[in-house]
Structures are given as structure tokens and as C-alpha cells.
Amino acid sequence: MQTVTAVAHRGDPYRHRENTVDSLRSALDRGADAVEIDVRLTRDGVPVLLHDDTLQRLWDLDRPLSALSAEEVRALTGGRVPTLAEALAATGDSRVMVDLCGPVDRRTVGRVLDVVRQSGAGDRVYYSAHAEAVLAVRAADPAAEIALTWTTLAPPRPALLAAIRPRWLNYRFSLVSPELAARVHRDGHLLSVWTPDTRRAMRRLLDLGVDSITTNRIDVLHALRNGAY
């Protein structure tokens, strides 16, 4: 099987709470080439790692992130919701896919890009999101590496691709067929998929020639890619 980029979805969530430093480090220890993290802004504009718009699911606190300052988030979660800066520091030289969650405007993108620059991580961070969000990224940073998340079988319009200039097209894994994979590659893009968690699904995707797999079971993908299964 060909080399594929193994991306850990929110770290290693089967062993550690997702989007925490422990989860990111565990994923890298288990063979991830990159980690995917979800980023939102606190009330005072600090990018932190959280997929949901509230702290309910992960932290049993029915509080919207947008109503809390970074210090309040730290106090409520015992410091376990890292800032983007802390996550970038914890991942060393590894690649990081920043998924821009929720409503994304120029302020959000500006804050995130500022942290990436200040952390000296611009050459290892790339950005995934739907079209509106990555258009804002492209406007703010002409050199940014982008994975356009796409959720339908209809291909993105040529004008949209020209405006975004993505390196990757990022699809839900169940949508990927031989025809879709061939089209993506024929059009000059790399094919990224999310989030298969079974060996069977991963094998199928590897056979189809995808370039990157984002999974919650990074150890399984790492072993499969290296011929252990």
C-alpha cells in the first residue's frame, strides 16, 4: 500500500479527551504524521481547542465558549482546554491541521493566523474548513496551505477553486469512489478524507489512492499503513 498521510482526528480520543494536549501527544507517539485540531475563539478573542460551541459534551458545563474569556475557560476546565499557542508548542515540529469551527469571520481568521505566525508554525500548519471560512484564510494569507472541506458529490465550481487555491480536497470518507478519486487527482489536487475508523474502510481508501486519512484510531491506521495488518 502507498504512503498516506496519517492524521489524528482531535488527537487520540479513544485514550484521552479530544483536543487536549495529552490527546495530541498520544497521537504523535502512536505514529501520527499530523494532528487535526478544532479551533474557536473565546469571548476575548483567544483561539482555543474545542469542537462544540459549548463546554457541555466534554466538560459537563452548559456554557457557550463565546460567552467565556480564556481565563474563565481555563478555570472551569482545570486548564485542560489548551489555547492554540499551547497546542502548537506541544506538537513540536509535527504537522497540524487547523479546522475552523462554527461561524468564521475575518476577525476569527486574523486571530488564528496571528497565533500561528507568533508561534513560528506557519510552515507546518494547514487549514481545513468549508468554502466561506477558507476563502477568508486565503484572503488573509496568500501562501496558506488549505484543505477545502467538501460534502457533496458535485465537484466544487472552477471559480471557487480558483479563488481558494486549495492543495487538498477534504471529503467525508463514505463519499469517495474510484471516479471521485480519479477526478480529484486529475484536477491537480490531493485527496484527504475523514473519519474512517475501521480497518476495512481504511483499506478501501488506501486501495483507492487517497493521499491523507484523518481518523480517531491513529494506531490502527499507522499499523495498517506499515503492513502490520
Foldseek 3Di string as FASTA:
>chain_A
DDDAQEEEEQAQVVVDPGQFLVRNVNLVVLPHQEYEFEWDAALVGFIWTDADQACCPPQVDGGGRNDGHPVRVCVSRVNGTGTPLVNVVSNPLGAYEYEYHDDADLSNLVSVVVSCVVSVNQVRYAYEYAQVRLLSNCVVPVPGAYAHEDEDPDDDDPVSCVSNVHQEHEYALVSDDLVSLVVCVVVRHAYEYDEDEDPVSLVVVVVSPHRYYYYSCSNSNSCVSVVVD
